[in-house]
Protein backbone atom coordinates (compact mmCIF):
# COMPACT_ATOMS: atom_id res chain seq x y z
CA MET A 1 -4.04 -13.98 -18.49
CA THR A 2 -1.72 -14.05 -15.61
CA ASN A 3 -2.08 -14.23 -11.75
CA GLN A 4 -1.39 -10.72 -11.32
CA GLU A 5 -3.85 -9.30 -14.35
CA TYR A 6 -6.45 -11.73 -12.49
CA ILE A 7 -5.78 -9.98 -9.04
CA GLN A 8 -5.73 -6.58 -10.77
CA HIS A 9 -9.46 -7.08 -12.23
CA TYR A 10 -10.47 -8.03 -8.56
CA LEU A 11 -8.71 -4.87 -6.85
CA GLU A 12 -10.31 -2.60 -9.34
CA TYR A 13 -14.03 -4.38 -8.54
CA ILE A 14 -13.56 -4.09 -4.95
CA LYS A 15 -12.63 -0.54 -5.07
CA PHE A 16 -14.88 0.79 -7.72
CA GLU A 17 -17.91 -1.28 -7.63
CA LYS A 18 -17.72 -2.46 -4.18
CA ARG A 19 -16.55 0.91 -2.65
CA LEU A 20 -14.17 -0.96 0.07
CA SER A 21 -11.46 1.66 1.40
CA PRO A 22 -8.00 2.06 0.32
CA LEU A 23 -7.16 0.64 3.55
CA THR A 24 -9.49 -2.60 3.33
CA VAL A 25 -8.36 -2.97 -0.48
CA LYS A 26 -4.57 -2.74 0.60
CA ASN A 27 -5.37 -5.45 3.21
CA TYR A 28 -6.74 -7.75 0.76
CA HIS A 29 -3.88 -7.43 -1.74
CA ARG A 30 -1.53 -8.14 0.93
CA ASP A 31 -3.44 -11.13 2.06
CA ILE A 32 -3.90 -12.59 -1.85
CA GLU A 33 0.01 -11.86 -2.49
CA SER A 34 0.73 -13.75 0.65
CA LEU A 35 -1.47 -17.05 -0.70
CA LEU A 36 0.69 -16.59 -3.64
CA GLU A 37 3.84 -16.75 -2.17
CA ILE A 38 2.88 -20.32 -0.86
CA PHE A 39 2.62 -21.51 -4.38
CA PRO A 40 4.39 -19.32 -6.45
CA LYS A 41 4.33 -21.47 -9.55
CA LYS A 42 0.71 -22.24 -9.36
CA ILE A 43 -2.13 -20.56 -11.50
CA LEU A 44 -5.27 -19.28 -9.87
CA ILE A 45 -7.12 -21.56 -11.54
CA GLU A 46 -5.50 -24.69 -10.74
CA PHE A 47 -5.80 -23.99 -6.68
CA SER A 48 -7.39 -26.49 -5.00
CA ILE A 49 -9.03 -27.18 -1.48
CA ASP A 50 -5.78 -29.18 -0.45
CA ASP A 51 -3.66 -26.12 -1.38
CA ILE A 52 -6.03 -23.86 0.71
CA ARG A 53 -5.48 -26.25 3.81
CA LYS A 54 -1.69 -26.07 3.43
CA SER A 55 -1.92 -22.33 3.08
CA VAL A 56 -3.71 -22.07 6.37
CA SER A 57 -1.66 -24.75 7.97
CA THR A 58 2.01 -22.93 6.84
CA PHE A 59 0.29 -19.54 8.27
CA HIS A 60 -0.60 -21.16 11.37
CA SER A 61 3.06 -22.55 12.06
CA ARG A 62 4.31 -19.18 11.60
CA GLY A 63 2.28 -17.83 14.64
CA LEU A 64 -1.06 -16.19 12.68
CA ASN A 65 -3.69 -16.22 15.22
CA GLY A 66 -7.37 -17.32 14.18
CA LYS A 67 -8.36 -13.73 13.56
CA SER A 68 -5.79 -13.00 11.18
CA LEU A 69 -5.97 -16.40 9.25
CA SER A 70 -10.25 -15.91 8.96
CA ARG A 71 -9.78 -12.68 7.26
CA MET A 72 -6.98 -14.09 4.95
CA ILE A 73 -9.41 -16.83 4.10
CA SER A 74 -11.91 -14.21 3.42
CA ALA A 75 -9.80 -12.46 1.43
CA TRP A 76 -9.00 -15.79 -0.87
CA ARG A 77 -12.69 -16.28 -0.94
CA GLY A 78 -13.69 -13.00 -2.47
CA LEU A 79 -11.31 -12.97 -5.04
CA PHE A 80 -12.36 -16.83 -6.06
CA ASP A 81 -15.88 -16.06 -5.95
CA PHE A 82 -15.07 -12.86 -8.39
CA LEU A 83 -13.15 -15.17 -10.67
CA ASN A 84 -16.00 -18.05 -10.91
CA GLN A 85 -18.64 -15.09 -12.09
CA ARG A 86 -16.05 -12.76 -14.20
CA PHE A 87 -13.63 -15.31 -15.86
CA ASN A 88 -15.68 -18.83 -15.41
CA PHE A 89 -13.28 -20.49 -13.17
CA LYS A 90 -15.15 -23.80 -12.03
CA HIS A 91 -14.71 -23.96 -8.30
CA ASN A 92 -13.67 -21.84 -5.27
CA PRO A 93 -11.30 -24.00 -3.25
CA THR A 94 -11.73 -21.96 -0.14
CA LEU A 95 -15.68 -23.23 0.35
CA GLY A 96 -15.59 -25.14 3.66
CA ILE A 97 -12.37 -23.76 4.84
CA SER A 98 -12.20 -21.85 8.11
CA ALA A 99 -9.40 -21.01 10.66
CA PRO A 100 -8.39 -22.48 13.68
CA LYS A 101 -10.46 -21.18 16.79
CA ASP A 102 -8.49 -18.81 19.22
CA LYS A 103 -8.83 -18.94 23.09
CA LYS A 104 -11.11 -16.15 23.41
CA GLN A 105 -8.83 -13.00 25.16
CA LEU A 106 -10.40 -10.25 27.04
CA PRO A 107 -9.14 -6.85 25.85
CA GLN A 108 -7.33 -5.04 28.37
CA THR A 109 -8.36 -1.78 30.13
CA LEU A 110 -7.59 1.04 31.94
CA SER A 111 -9.04 1.76 35.53
CA ILE A 112 -11.06 4.50 35.69
CA ASP A 113 -8.56 5.95 38.16
CA GLN A 114 -5.66 5.34 35.35
CA THR A 115 -7.54 7.03 32.87
CA MET A 116 -8.40 10.04 34.65
CA LYS A 117 -4.99 10.48 35.34
CA LEU A 118 -3.74 10.01 31.80
CA VAL A 119 -6.24 12.88 30.45
CA SER A 120 -5.20 15.11 32.94
CA ILE A 121 -2.45 16.82 31.06
CA ASN A 122 -1.25 19.87 32.08
CA ASP A 123 0.73 20.89 29.57
CA THR A 124 0.51 24.43 27.11
CA SER A 125 3.08 23.59 24.72
CA PHE A 126 1.77 22.84 21.19
CA LEU A 127 2.13 19.13 21.55
CA GLY A 128 0.49 19.40 24.95
CA ILE A 129 -2.49 21.24 23.94
CA ARG A 130 -3.02 19.14 20.83
CA ASP A 131 -2.33 15.70 22.39
CA HIS A 132 -4.43 16.65 25.16
CA ALA A 133 -7.46 17.17 22.67
CA ILE A 134 -6.45 13.70 21.02
CA ILE A 135 -6.67 11.75 24.47
CA GLU A 136 -9.67 13.43 25.45
CA LEU A 137 -11.57 12.38 22.29
CA PHE A 138 -10.34 9.15 21.96
CA TYR A 139 -11.76 8.47 25.78
CA SER A 140 -14.83 10.67 25.67
CA SER A 141 -16.09 9.15 22.31
CA GLY A 142 -14.64 5.98 22.12
CA LEU A 143 -12.90 6.58 18.35
CA ARG A 144 -11.04 4.28 16.33
CA LEU A 145 -7.80 5.61 15.43
CA SER A 146 -8.75 5.79 11.96
CA GLU A 147 -12.03 7.56 12.72
CA LEU A 148 -9.84 10.10 14.38
CA ILE A 149 -6.83 10.78 11.97
CA ASN A 150 -9.70 11.46 9.51
CA LEU A 151 -11.63 13.94 11.74
CA LYS A 152 -12.44 17.33 10.06
CA ILE A 153 -13.02 20.38 11.93
CA GLN A 154 -16.66 20.62 10.49
CA ASP A 155 -17.16 17.01 11.84
CA ILE A 156 -17.42 18.61 15.52
CA ASN A 157 -20.66 20.13 16.71
CA PHE A 158 -19.50 22.64 19.32
CA GLU A 159 -23.25 23.32 20.13
CA ASP A 160 -24.59 20.16 20.74
CA GLY A 161 -21.07 18.30 22.09
CA THR A 162 -21.16 15.59 19.49
CA VAL A 163 -18.66 14.14 16.88
CA SER A 164 -19.50 13.08 13.57
CA VAL A 165 -17.70 10.07 12.40
CA LEU A 166 -17.13 7.68 9.33
CA GLY A 167 -16.48 4.25 10.63
CA LYS A 168 -15.80 0.87 9.13
CA GLY A 169 -17.55 0.30 6.19
CA SER A 170 -17.82 4.02 5.40
CA LYS A 171 -20.98 3.95 7.85
CA SER A 172 -21.50 7.17 9.47
CA ARG A 173 -22.62 7.94 12.95
CA ILE A 174 -22.48 10.69 15.60
CA VAL A 175 -21.27 10.39 18.92
CA PRO A 176 -21.32 12.50 22.09
CA ALA A 177 -18.08 14.26 23.06
CA GLY A 178 -17.84 15.40 26.86
CA LYS A 179 -17.44 18.59 27.72
CA ASN A 180 -13.60 18.03 28.94
CA ALA A 181 -13.00 16.96 25.31
CA ILE A 182 -14.96 20.12 23.51
CA GLY A 183 -13.04 22.46 25.44
CA ALA A 184 -9.83 20.63 24.67
CA ILE A 185 -10.77 20.56 20.87
CA GLN A 186 -11.46 24.65 21.24
CA LYS A 187 -8.05 25.19 22.60
CA TRP A 188 -6.41 23.06 19.93
CA ILE A 189 -8.33 24.78 17.19
CA ALA A 190 -7.42 27.95 18.51
CA LEU A 191 -3.66 27.26 18.33
CA ARG A 192 -3.99 25.13 14.80
CA ASN A 193 -4.79 28.22 13.70
CA THR A 194 -1.33 29.87 14.05
CA ILE A 195 0.11 27.09 12.17
CA LYS A 196 1.66 28.28 8.86
CA ASN A 197 1.11 27.07 5.37
CA ILE A 198 -2.03 24.68 6.24
CA ASN A 199 -3.54 24.07 2.72
CA GLU A 200 -6.80 26.05 3.12
CA LYS A 201 -8.68 23.00 1.28
CA ASP A 202 -7.31 20.85 4.36
CA SER A 203 -9.79 20.60 7.31
CA ILE A 204 -8.11 17.53 8.61
CA LEU A 205 -8.79 18.53 12.76
CA PHE A 206 -5.22 17.21 13.97
CA LEU A 207 -1.88 18.44 12.17
CA SER A 208 1.64 18.40 13.47
CA ARG A 209 3.38 21.78 13.85
CA PHE A 210 4.22 21.89 10.35
CA GLY A 211 0.71 21.55 8.96
CA LYS A 212 0.63 17.66 8.32
CA CYS A 213 -1.59 15.27 8.54
CA LEU A 214 -1.15 12.98 11.48
CA THR A 215 -0.20 9.13 10.57
CA ALA A 216 -1.36 6.10 12.78
CA ARG A 217 2.16 5.75 13.85
CA ALA A 218 2.89 9.14 15.12
CA ILE A 219 -0.45 8.89 17.49
CA GLN A 220 0.44 5.62 18.76
CA TYR A 221 3.72 7.27 19.67
CA ARG A 222 2.60 10.18 21.21
CA LEU A 223 0.24 8.06 23.59
CA LYS A 224 3.06 6.09 25.05
CA ILE A 225 5.06 9.04 25.46
CA TRP A 226 2.16 10.65 27.54
CA ALA A 227 1.47 7.32 29.42
CA ILE A 228 5.10 7.76 30.86
CA LYS A 229 4.81 11.24 31.61
CA GLN A 230 1.53 10.58 33.81
CA GLY A 231 3.19 7.25 35.37
CA ILE A 232 1.02 5.06 33.82
CA PRO A 233 2.92 1.83 33.36
CA GLU A 234 0.48 -0.25 31.08
CA ASN A 235 1.35 -0.48 27.45
CA ILE A 236 -1.11 2.75 26.29
CA HIS A 237 -2.62 2.56 23.01
CA PRO A 238 -5.82 3.99 21.13
CA HIS A 239 -7.32 0.87 21.23
CA LEU A 240 -7.04 0.51 24.99
CA LEU A 241 -8.78 3.45 25.16
CA ARG A 242 -11.80 2.74 23.10
CA HIS A 243 -11.71 -0.34 25.61
CA SER A 244 -11.70 1.50 28.39
CA PHE A 245 -14.29 3.80 27.34
CA ALA A 246 -16.88 0.90 26.17
CA THR A 247 -16.27 -0.92 29.78
CA HIS A 248 -16.58 2.24 32.06
CA ILE A 249 -20.25 3.12 30.25
CA LEU A 250 -21.36 -0.56 30.45
CA GLN A 251 -20.21 -0.49 33.90
CA SER A 252 -22.70 2.65 34.55
CA SER A 253 -25.55 2.17 32.39
CA GLN A 254 -25.66 -1.55 31.74
CA ASP A 255 -27.21 -0.75 28.24
CA LEU A 256 -25.36 -3.08 25.70
CA ARG A 257 -27.06 -1.78 22.75
CA ALA A 258 -26.02 1.67 23.97
CA VAL A 259 -22.60 0.75 23.58
CA GLN A 260 -23.03 -1.22 20.63
CA GLU A 261 -24.33 2.04 18.80
CA LEU A 262 -21.70 4.45 20.25
CA LEU A 263 -18.99 2.05 19.31
CA GLY A 264 -20.13 1.76 15.55
CA HIS A 265 -20.34 -2.23 16.06
CA ALA A 266 -22.52 -3.95 13.12
CA ASN A 267 -23.31 -6.95 15.20
CA ILE A 268 -24.15 -6.77 19.19
CA SER A 269 -22.10 -10.20 19.42
CA THR A 270 -18.79 -8.33 18.62
CA THR A 271 -20.01 -5.50 21.95
CA GLN A 272 -20.76 -8.46 23.95
CA ILE A 273 -16.99 -9.04 25.16
CA TYR A 274 -17.45 -6.26 27.17
CA THR A 275 -19.71 -7.87 29.50
CA HIS A 276 -17.05 -10.26 30.48
CA LEU A 277 -15.33 -7.25 31.38
CA ASP A 278 -17.93 -6.07 33.76
CA PHE A 279 -18.53 -9.55 35.66
CA GLN A 280 -16.07 -7.92 38.42
CA HIS A 281 -18.72 -4.78 38.71
CA LEU A 282 -21.69 -6.92 38.48
CA SER A 283 -20.32 -9.06 41.22
CA LYS A 284 -19.91 -5.98 43.53
CA ILE A 285 -23.58 -5.18 42.86
CA TYR A 286 -24.73 -8.72 43.36
CA ASP A 287 -23.15 -8.48 46.80
CA ARG A 288 -24.72 -5.21 48.01
CA SER A 289 -28.23 -6.30 46.61
CA HIS A 290 -29.04 -9.80 46.99
CA PRO A 291 -30.84 -10.85 50.04
CA ARG A 292 -28.41 -14.08 50.20
CA ALA A 293 -25.37 -12.37 49.43
CA LYS A 294 -25.79 -10.07 52.10
CA LYS A 295 -23.06 -10.07 54.95
CA LYS A 296 -24.37 -9.37 58.61
């Protein structure tokens, strides 16, 4: 059996048995092909731990960071585990291999004033009304880009002011949406209903003026356009609004578990990065509250 036949069996396994999302399957496939590019003439059963080490070193020298390398190693490890179980391969060459650690970088966030300036869109055009609803929802609910793209009209509960979200790993959660976001979405839906040639079976919330689903790149581009129009100098992207959402909630509530639930993080250690962002806020509280910190 050829390498490509082995890989195809694995991709079908993670797609149909493990039920991973199409995007995850695509990423795994890309990472596995990257490994074979380093050793184009080697068959999978011949791979050794030294080959994996060389691959990690090669990609690291090309500028890949620790997070990307960890993802690649995970994809390779899953493939070899599958080949051991299904095709009686004798060993997994990725065992004991880990990616180089990166310096911990804190995510960028917007200040509350900057965020308020960004969402204060006063534009009654088609794009203005739609994009206002998108930006309000990003910031009000802390959604990932993929989550927003796949939202359906029926996912919005206007009575409760909540949104049903299908997140990573096909895990669903319900998040609140502020009244401003709900109001912006209602205006958008009224306009959406005027779009011609919408497929009646397609209930995706955000569409183009031609009734097509928006791509991730289209939404990223629109955010950059609005940042320029609203006079925000930072590099605005959807995840920046998610980071800002989490940081602002944590500053007000100091409830890390609540932020974890709202963001849909499986592990609270992922959420804990926002406690570092909140240090300046905590310092101000200390200065105001601690007897030894108070100025005369």
